[in-house]
Amino acid sequence: MKTVCICFEVHLPLPVRWYWPWEGYSSPEMDKYFDMEKAFQNFTHLEKDAEAINRALADSMNNGGKYAFDISGIFLEQCKWSPGTLDSFRELFKMGAGLIASPYYHSMSPLFSDSMEFEAQVDMHVNSLKSFFGMKPAAFVNPELLLERNVLGIVKDMGFKCFISEGSSNLVNGGEPAYVYENEIPTLLRHINLSEDIERRFSDRKWPGFPLIPEKFASWIAGMQGDIITLYVKYDALQAHLQKDTGILQFLRDLPLSLAQQGIEMLLPEEAAGYFIERELPSLHSKKTARYGMHNLLGNHAQHLYMHELRSIGKELDDHSSNDNYKKLRNIYRYLQQSDILLEMNAEERRLGYEKAVNNFSILSDLKRALKEESQ
């Protein structure tokens, strides 16, 4: 029987603000480096539709649907602005939805040579999910669907049942990522085209596949070879489609029924990992990948230098005692690891990417100044 695994990434980044050093040196604070007003606006914009989206997902689950959610630690923090949003997710988990763990700060800590920071953030995320939802996640995904071999053994040792990554062409060599793959931990690969039919193209009236109805989508999947199709979709994309009134909520409600008519079952990631015999894919052991390619994260000198500076700051923090001031600096340091910051430095508009990089390095420089003053 062919199966489908559908996962949603629930995350809103904490935006970096434009930092002007000539404002004067002062103690590092969150609102000095991050645009908290913009973060609040972004959250309230999503929050007003989250209840309707989650209600549609609940209806879908009543129709036989199964879904898993990667809810970032940063998003969990933002839910203090609207506890009702968190309640609407709790209802889904009570109905049997799955949880996916990741580094708490949606960070690039998996790329650090020392795994201590990565492990600490994963523990933070797991503990937060247990605290908010009373559940321990069984599946794991890195931000930007990053495949980094150095952390796979750690993920397995932490008790996770499966790992989700990008199904990029350098891994599957032109084939379809439609199996559970043999790795240090059973691995599912995102089907890029089908995921983006929902995430990016659903509302595009110029797209040849428009309108995307459940029956059509289910027939596409039924015509494919393989065991399991893994879809990984950004949750806020559902809201973008909702704003354009293109039927996304009804699509979600009816999708399980259309899949069932084609003999296709929906599974959670950890269920899929134990359901199928794992297939060998040699490229998993020799290559890296991430959403849309590693070049998006580390494709220019500014991004490489930013990662180097983060590692340098992390080492300095580790070398000092963890008094209250250092705890505050470490917290800021972790927010500065967000994958979104690296992605912005690779903007399609090169000048904007350059300006973002200059701004980010100004912030890192000020944080290093504060660290130096603290150690004196």
Protein backbone atom coordinates (compact mmCIF):
# COMPACT_ATOMS: atom_id res chain seq x y z
CA MET A 1 0.00 0.00 0.00
CA LYS A 2 1.29 3.46 -0.89
CA THR A 3 1.35 5.96 1.97
CA VAL A 4 1.71 9.71 2.55
CA CYS A 5 3.37 11.54 5.43
CA ILE A 6 2.41 15.23 5.74
CA CYS A 7 4.38 17.52 8.07
CA PHE A 8 3.98 21.23 8.80
CA GLU A 9 6.70 23.62 9.95
CA VAL A 10 5.20 26.15 12.38
CA HIS A 11 7.74 28.93 12.76
CA LEU A 12 7.94 32.70 12.64
CA PRO A 13 11.47 34.11 12.92
CA LEU A 14 12.43 36.82 15.36
CA PRO A 15 13.42 39.59 12.91
CA VAL A 16 16.76 41.31 13.31
CA ARG A 17 16.36 45.07 13.59
CA TRP A 18 18.54 47.62 11.86
CA TYR A 19 21.24 48.27 14.43
CA TRP A 20 23.00 51.62 14.45
CA PRO A 21 26.25 51.59 16.50
CA TRP A 22 26.25 55.38 16.81
CA GLU A 23 23.18 55.10 19.05
CA GLY A 24 25.73 54.46 21.78
CA TYR A 25 26.99 51.40 23.58
CA SER A 26 24.77 49.88 26.23
CA SER A 27 24.02 46.52 27.77
CA PRO A 28 22.84 44.00 25.14
CA GLU A 29 19.09 43.48 25.28
CA MET A 30 16.69 41.57 23.04
CA ASP A 31 14.96 44.70 21.75
CA LYS A 32 18.34 46.25 20.95
CA TYR A 33 19.06 43.61 18.30
CA PHE A 34 15.61 42.27 17.42
CA ASP A 35 12.52 44.03 16.08
CA MET A 36 10.00 42.89 18.69
CA GLU A 37 7.24 45.13 17.30
CA LYS A 38 7.55 43.54 13.87
CA ALA A 39 7.63 40.07 15.46
CA PHE A 40 4.37 40.89 17.27
CA GLN A 41 2.77 42.15 14.06
CA ASN A 42 3.84 39.03 12.15
CA PHE A 43 2.46 36.79 14.89
CA THR A 44 -0.89 38.58 15.18
CA HIS A 45 -1.24 38.41 11.39
CA LEU A 46 -0.86 34.61 11.50
CA GLU A 47 -2.80 34.19 14.72
CA LYS A 48 -6.03 35.60 13.28
CA ASP A 49 -6.27 32.69 10.83
CA ALA A 50 -4.60 29.92 12.83
CA GLU A 51 -7.84 28.85 14.51
CA ALA A 52 -9.63 28.45 11.15
CA ILE A 53 -6.69 26.52 9.69
CA ASN A 54 -6.47 24.22 12.70
CA ARG A 55 -10.23 23.68 12.66
CA ALA A 56 -9.94 22.55 9.03
CA LEU A 57 -7.06 20.24 9.99
CA ALA A 58 -9.21 18.82 12.80
CA ASP A 59 -12.01 18.15 10.28
CA SER A 60 -9.41 16.52 8.03
CA MET A 61 -8.27 14.28 10.89
CA ASN A 62 -11.87 13.29 11.51
CA ASN A 63 -11.89 12.22 7.86
CA GLY A 64 -8.88 9.97 8.46
CA GLY A 65 -6.01 12.45 8.11
CA LYS A 66 -2.76 12.30 10.03
CA TYR A 67 -0.38 15.23 10.38
CA ALA A 68 2.86 16.01 12.23
CA PHE A 69 4.02 19.46 13.36
CA ASP A 70 7.45 20.98 13.93
CA ILE A 71 6.58 23.94 16.18
CA SER A 72 9.73 25.97 16.85
CA GLY A 73 10.68 27.16 20.30
CA ILE A 74 10.57 30.73 19.04
CA PHE A 75 6.95 30.26 17.92
CA LEU A 76 6.05 28.71 21.28
CA GLU A 77 7.42 31.82 22.98
CA GLN A 78 5.39 34.09 20.70
CA CYS A 79 2.21 32.24 21.66
CA LYS A 80 2.27 34.14 24.96
CA TRP A 81 0.66 36.91 22.89
CA SER A 82 -2.31 34.62 22.14
CA PRO A 83 -2.73 31.54 24.36
CA GLY A 84 -5.77 30.55 22.30
CA THR A 85 -3.49 29.79 19.37
CA LEU A 86 -1.65 27.24 21.47
CA ASP A 87 -4.97 25.73 22.56
CA SER A 88 -5.98 25.16 18.94
CA PHE A 89 -2.79 23.15 18.43
CA ARG A 90 -3.39 21.23 21.66
CA GLU A 91 -6.72 20.04 20.25
CA LEU A 92 -4.94 18.57 17.24
CA PHE A 93 -2.50 16.68 19.45
CA LYS A 94 -5.36 15.34 21.56
CA MET A 95 -6.78 13.95 18.31
CA GLY A 96 -3.52 12.13 17.51
CA ALA A 97 -1.35 14.58 15.57
CA GLY A 98 2.40 14.01 15.82
CA LEU A 99 5.20 16.23 17.07
CA ILE A 100 8.60 16.75 15.45
CA ALA A 101 11.63 18.00 17.37
CA SER A 102 14.34 20.37 16.13
CA PRO A 103 16.86 22.82 17.64
CA TYR A 104 14.82 25.18 19.84
CA TYR A 105 15.94 28.42 18.18
CA HIS A 106 15.44 27.17 14.59
CA SER A 107 19.20 27.50 14.50
CA MET A 108 22.14 26.36 12.45
CA SER A 109 23.75 24.71 15.48
CA PRO A 110 23.83 21.35 13.59
CA LEU A 111 26.69 22.86 11.57
CA PHE A 112 28.86 23.63 14.61
CA SER A 113 31.92 21.40 15.01
CA ASP A 114 31.12 20.95 18.71
CA SER A 115 27.76 19.24 19.22
CA MET A 116 27.15 20.57 22.76
CA GLU A 117 25.16 23.61 21.57
CA PHE A 118 23.08 21.46 19.21
CA GLU A 119 22.28 18.92 21.92
CA ALA A 120 21.36 21.65 24.40
CA GLN A 121 18.92 23.24 21.98
CA VAL A 122 17.30 19.92 21.06
CA ASP A 123 16.84 19.15 24.76
CA MET A 124 15.30 22.59 25.22
CA HIS A 125 12.85 21.98 22.39
CA VAL A 126 11.86 18.50 23.58
CA ASN A 127 11.29 19.77 27.13
CA SER A 128 9.23 22.72 25.89
CA LEU A 129 7.05 20.49 23.73
CA LYS A 130 6.48 18.14 26.68
CA SER A 131 5.64 21.11 28.89
CA PHE A 132 3.18 22.70 26.45
CA PHE A 133 1.58 19.58 24.98
CA GLY A 134 2.37 16.71 27.33
CA MET A 135 4.00 14.75 24.51
CA LYS A 136 7.50 13.68 23.59
CA PRO A 137 8.31 14.01 19.87
CA ALA A 138 9.40 10.85 18.09
CA ALA A 139 10.62 12.39 14.81
CA PHE A 140 13.38 14.91 14.18
CA VAL A 141 14.12 17.55 11.54
CA ASN A 142 16.83 20.18 11.29
CA PRO A 143 15.89 23.74 10.30
CA GLU A 144 15.84 24.16 6.52
CA LEU A 145 15.62 20.34 6.28
CA LEU A 146 19.39 20.25 6.68
CA LEU A 147 21.17 16.92 6.27
CA GLU A 148 24.35 17.03 8.38
CA ARG A 149 25.98 13.68 9.08
CA ASN A 150 27.69 14.84 12.28
CA VAL A 151 24.41 14.98 14.19
CA LEU A 152 22.64 11.84 12.94
CA GLY A 153 24.16 9.56 15.56
CA ILE A 154 23.32 12.11 18.25
CA VAL A 155 19.71 12.26 17.06
CA LYS A 156 19.48 8.47 17.24
CA ASP A 157 21.06 8.33 20.69
CA MET A 158 18.53 10.92 21.91
CA GLY A 159 15.79 8.39 21.19
CA PHE A 160 14.21 9.69 17.99
CA LYS A 161 12.69 7.13 15.63
CA CYS A 162 13.26 8.89 12.31
CA PHE A 163 14.89 11.86 10.62
CA ILE A 164 13.40 14.10 7.91
CA SER A 165 15.50 15.91 5.30
CA GLU A 166 15.28 17.55 1.89
CA GLY A 167 14.87 15.21 -1.07
CA SER A 168 17.22 17.18 -3.28
CA SER A 169 18.44 15.99 -6.66
CA ASN A 170 22.03 15.53 -5.46
CA LEU A 171 20.72 12.80 -3.15
CA VAL A 172 18.16 11.01 -5.28
CA ASN A 173 19.93 11.46 -8.64
CA GLY A 174 16.80 12.32 -10.58
CA GLY A 175 14.60 9.71 -8.92
CA GLU A 176 11.63 10.23 -6.63
CA PRO A 177 12.29 10.36 -2.85
CA ALA A 178 9.60 7.81 -2.11
CA TYR A 179 11.02 5.38 0.45
CA VAL A 180 12.27 5.12 4.01
CA TYR A 181 16.03 5.24 3.57
CA GLU A 182 18.72 3.34 5.46
CA ASN A 183 20.87 5.68 7.51
CA GLU A 184 22.22 5.96 11.04
CA ILE A 185 18.57 6.69 11.79
CA PRO A 186 15.70 5.85 9.38
CA THR A 187 15.39 8.82 7.03
CA LEU A 188 12.46 10.31 5.11
CA LEU A 189 13.13 12.76 2.29
CA ARG A 190 10.78 15.57 1.38
CA HIS A 191 9.17 15.30 -2.04
CA ILE A 192 9.96 18.81 -3.23
CA ASN A 193 7.54 19.13 -6.15
CA LEU A 194 4.46 17.79 -4.39
CA SER A 195 5.26 19.73 -1.20
CA GLU A 196 5.52 22.95 -3.15
CA ASP A 197 2.34 22.24 -5.09
CA ILE A 198 0.69 22.88 -1.73
CA GLU A 199 3.14 25.36 -0.22
CA ARG A 200 3.92 27.66 -3.14
CA ARG A 201 1.79 26.93 -6.20
CA PHE A 202 -1.65 26.23 -4.74
CA SER A 203 -2.90 29.82 -5.25
CA ASP A 204 -1.09 30.50 -8.52
CA ARG A 205 -3.81 30.86 -11.12
CA LYS A 206 -1.17 30.76 -13.90
CA TRP A 207 0.10 27.35 -12.75
CA PRO A 208 -1.01 24.56 -15.16
CA GLY A 209 -2.12 22.50 -12.15
CA PHE A 210 -4.52 25.18 -10.90
CA PRO A 211 -6.98 24.59 -9.33
CA LEU A 212 -5.45 21.87 -7.20
CA ILE A 213 -8.28 19.71 -5.93
CA PRO A 214 -7.86 16.68 -3.62
CA GLU A 215 -8.90 14.15 -6.26
CA LYS A 216 -6.25 15.42 -8.68
CA PHE A 217 -3.53 15.49 -6.02
CA ALA A 218 -4.37 11.97 -4.84
CA SER A 219 -4.26 10.67 -8.42
CA TRP A 220 -0.77 12.11 -8.89
CA ILE A 221 0.45 10.27 -5.81
CA ALA A 222 -1.29 7.06 -6.84
CA GLY A 223 0.56 7.11 -10.14
CA MET A 224 3.99 7.21 -8.52
CA GLN A 225 6.31 4.35 -7.69
CA GLY A 226 7.53 3.85 -4.13
CA ASP A 227 6.35 3.27 -0.57
CA ILE A 228 5.84 6.70 0.96
CA ILE A 229 5.59 10.29 -0.22
CA THR A 230 6.78 12.74 2.43
CA LEU A 231 5.41 16.28 2.26
CA TYR A 232 6.89 19.05 4.39
CA VAL A 233 5.03 22.36 4.16
CA LYS A 234 5.40 25.72 5.90
CA TYR A 235 2.32 26.37 7.99
CA ASP A 236 2.19 30.09 7.22
CA ALA A 237 1.84 29.21 3.52
CA LEU A 238 -1.64 27.90 4.35
CA GLN A 239 -2.57 31.36 5.57
CA ALA A 240 -1.18 32.96 2.41
CA HIS A 241 -3.46 30.71 0.34
CA LEU A 242 -6.39 31.44 2.65
CA GLN A 243 -5.95 35.17 2.02
CA LYS A 244 -6.29 34.52 -1.72
CA ASP A 245 -9.48 32.50 -1.19
CA THR A 246 -8.45 29.54 -3.32
CA GLY A 247 -10.05 26.77 -1.28
CA ILE A 248 -7.11 25.62 0.83
CA LEU A 249 -9.29 24.78 3.85
CA GLN A 250 -11.64 22.58 1.86
CA PHE A 251 -8.65 20.95 0.19
CA LEU A 252 -7.30 19.99 3.62
CA ARG A 253 -10.66 18.69 4.80
CA ASP A 254 -11.22 16.49 1.77
CA LEU A 255 -7.68 15.27 1.09
CA PRO A 256 -7.80 12.15 3.34
CA LEU A 257 -11.02 10.99 1.66
CA SER A 258 -9.52 11.38 -1.82
CA LEU A 259 -6.35 9.57 -0.76
CA ALA A 260 -8.38 6.73 0.73
CA GLN A 261 -10.31 6.36 -2.53
CA GLN A 262 -6.95 5.71 -4.22
CA GLY A 263 -5.97 3.19 -1.54
CA ILE A 264 -3.41 5.57 -0.02
CA GLU A 265 -2.93 5.66 3.77
CA MET A 266 -1.68 8.64 5.79
CA LEU A 267 1.04 7.94 8.38
CA LEU A 268 3.02 9.89 10.94
CA PRO A 269 6.80 10.00 10.30
CA GLU A 270 7.65 7.58 13.11
CA GLU A 271 4.95 5.18 11.91
CA ALA A 272 6.43 5.19 8.41
CA ALA A 273 9.90 4.47 9.81
CA GLY A 274 8.67 1.26 11.38
CA TYR A 275 6.35 0.25 8.56
CA PHE A 276 8.64 -0.23 5.58
CA ILE A 277 11.91 -2.00 4.85
CA GLU A 278 14.61 0.67 4.54
CA ARG A 279 16.18 1.28 1.14
CA GLU A 280 19.87 1.98 0.61
CA LEU A 281 20.79 5.40 -0.77
CA PRO A 282 24.62 5.76 -0.83
CA SER A 283 24.52 9.56 -1.34
CA LEU A 284 23.06 9.97 2.17
CA HIS A 285 26.45 8.96 3.56
CA SER A 286 28.56 11.34 1.48
CA LYS A 287 26.59 14.51 0.74
CA LYS A 288 24.97 17.42 2.50
CA THR A 289 21.72 19.05 1.55
CA ALA A 290 19.22 21.65 2.73
CA ARG A 291 16.01 23.25 1.51
CA TYR A 292 16.79 24.51 -2.01
CA GLY A 293 20.46 23.58 -1.60
CA MET A 294 23.34 24.29 0.77
CA HIS A 295 24.25 27.40 -1.23
CA ASN A 296 21.24 29.17 0.27
CA LEU A 297 22.73 28.79 3.74
CA LEU A 298 26.45 28.89 2.99
CA GLY A 299 26.73 30.15 -0.56
CA ASN A 300 28.81 33.27 -0.03
CA HIS A 301 31.69 34.60 2.03
CA ALA A 302 29.45 36.62 4.36
CA GLN A 303 27.50 33.53 5.40
CA HIS A 304 30.68 31.52 6.05
CA LEU A 305 32.18 34.38 8.04
CA TYR A 306 28.98 34.78 10.06
CA MET A 307 29.09 31.09 11.02
CA HIS A 308 32.77 31.46 11.97
CA GLU A 309 31.94 34.42 14.21
CA LEU A 310 29.09 32.51 15.86
CA ARG A 311 31.45 29.64 16.69
CA SER A 312 33.97 32.12 18.10
CA ILE A 313 31.37 33.75 20.34
CA GLY A 314 30.10 30.35 21.46
CA LYS A 315 33.59 29.29 22.50
CA GLU A 316 34.05 32.49 24.48
CA LEU A 317 30.75 31.92 26.26
CA ASP A 318 31.76 28.34 27.07
CA ASP A 319 35.06 29.51 28.52
CA HIS A 320 33.39 31.64 31.21
CA SER A 321 31.22 30.87 34.19
CA SER A 322 27.47 30.87 33.65
CA ASN A 323 26.49 33.82 35.83
CA ASP A 324 23.26 35.68 35.12
CA ASN A 325 24.86 38.16 32.71
CA TYR A 326 26.42 35.36 30.67
CA LYS A 327 23.08 33.54 30.59
CA LYS A 328 21.49 36.66 29.07
CA LEU A 329 24.27 36.97 26.50
CA ARG A 330 23.98 33.28 25.60
CA ASN A 331 20.25 33.67 25.07
CA ILE A 332 20.83 36.53 22.62
CA TYR A 333 23.61 34.55 20.96
CA ARG A 334 21.21 31.67 20.34
CA TYR A 335 18.61 33.88 18.69
CA LEU A 336 21.37 35.12 16.39
CA GLN A 337 21.81 31.53 15.16
CA GLN A 338 18.40 31.52 13.41
CA SER A 339 18.62 30.02 9.94
CA ASP A 340 16.54 32.94 8.65
CA ILE A 341 19.43 35.32 9.37
CA LEU A 342 21.77 33.31 7.17
CA LEU A 343 19.19 33.04 4.40
CA GLU A 344 18.68 36.81 4.34
CA MET A 345 22.37 37.29 3.57
CA ASN A 346 21.84 35.37 0.35
CA ALA A 347 18.99 37.54 -0.90
CA GLU A 348 18.25 37.48 -4.62
CA GLU A 349 18.79 41.23 -4.57
CA ARG A 350 22.53 41.22 -3.91
CA ARG A 351 22.64 44.73 -2.44
CA LEU A 352 19.99 43.86 0.15
CA GLY A 353 21.90 40.70 1.11
CA TYR A 354 25.05 42.78 1.51
CA GLU A 355 23.27 45.37 3.68
CA LYS A 356 21.81 42.62 5.85
CA ALA A 357 25.28 41.11 6.27
CA VAL A 358 26.80 44.44 7.33
CA ASN A 359 24.02 44.89 9.86
CA ASN A 360 24.41 41.37 11.23
CA PHE A 361 28.16 41.78 11.68
CA SER A 362 27.59 45.07 13.52
CA ILE A 363 25.38 43.19 15.98
CA LEU A 364 27.92 40.40 16.44
CA SER A 365 30.63 42.99 17.00
CA ASP A 366 28.60 44.69 19.71
CA LEU A 367 27.87 41.36 21.38
CA LYS A 368 31.59 40.53 21.37
CA ARG A 369 32.27 43.95 22.92
CA ALA A 370 29.83 43.14 25.72
CA LEU A 371 31.47 39.75 26.26
CA LYS A 372 34.91 41.36 26.50
CA GLU A 373 33.67 43.91 29.02
CA GLU A 374 32.01 41.18 31.07
CA SER A 375 35.23 39.18 31.28
CA GLN A 376 37.32 42.10 32.54
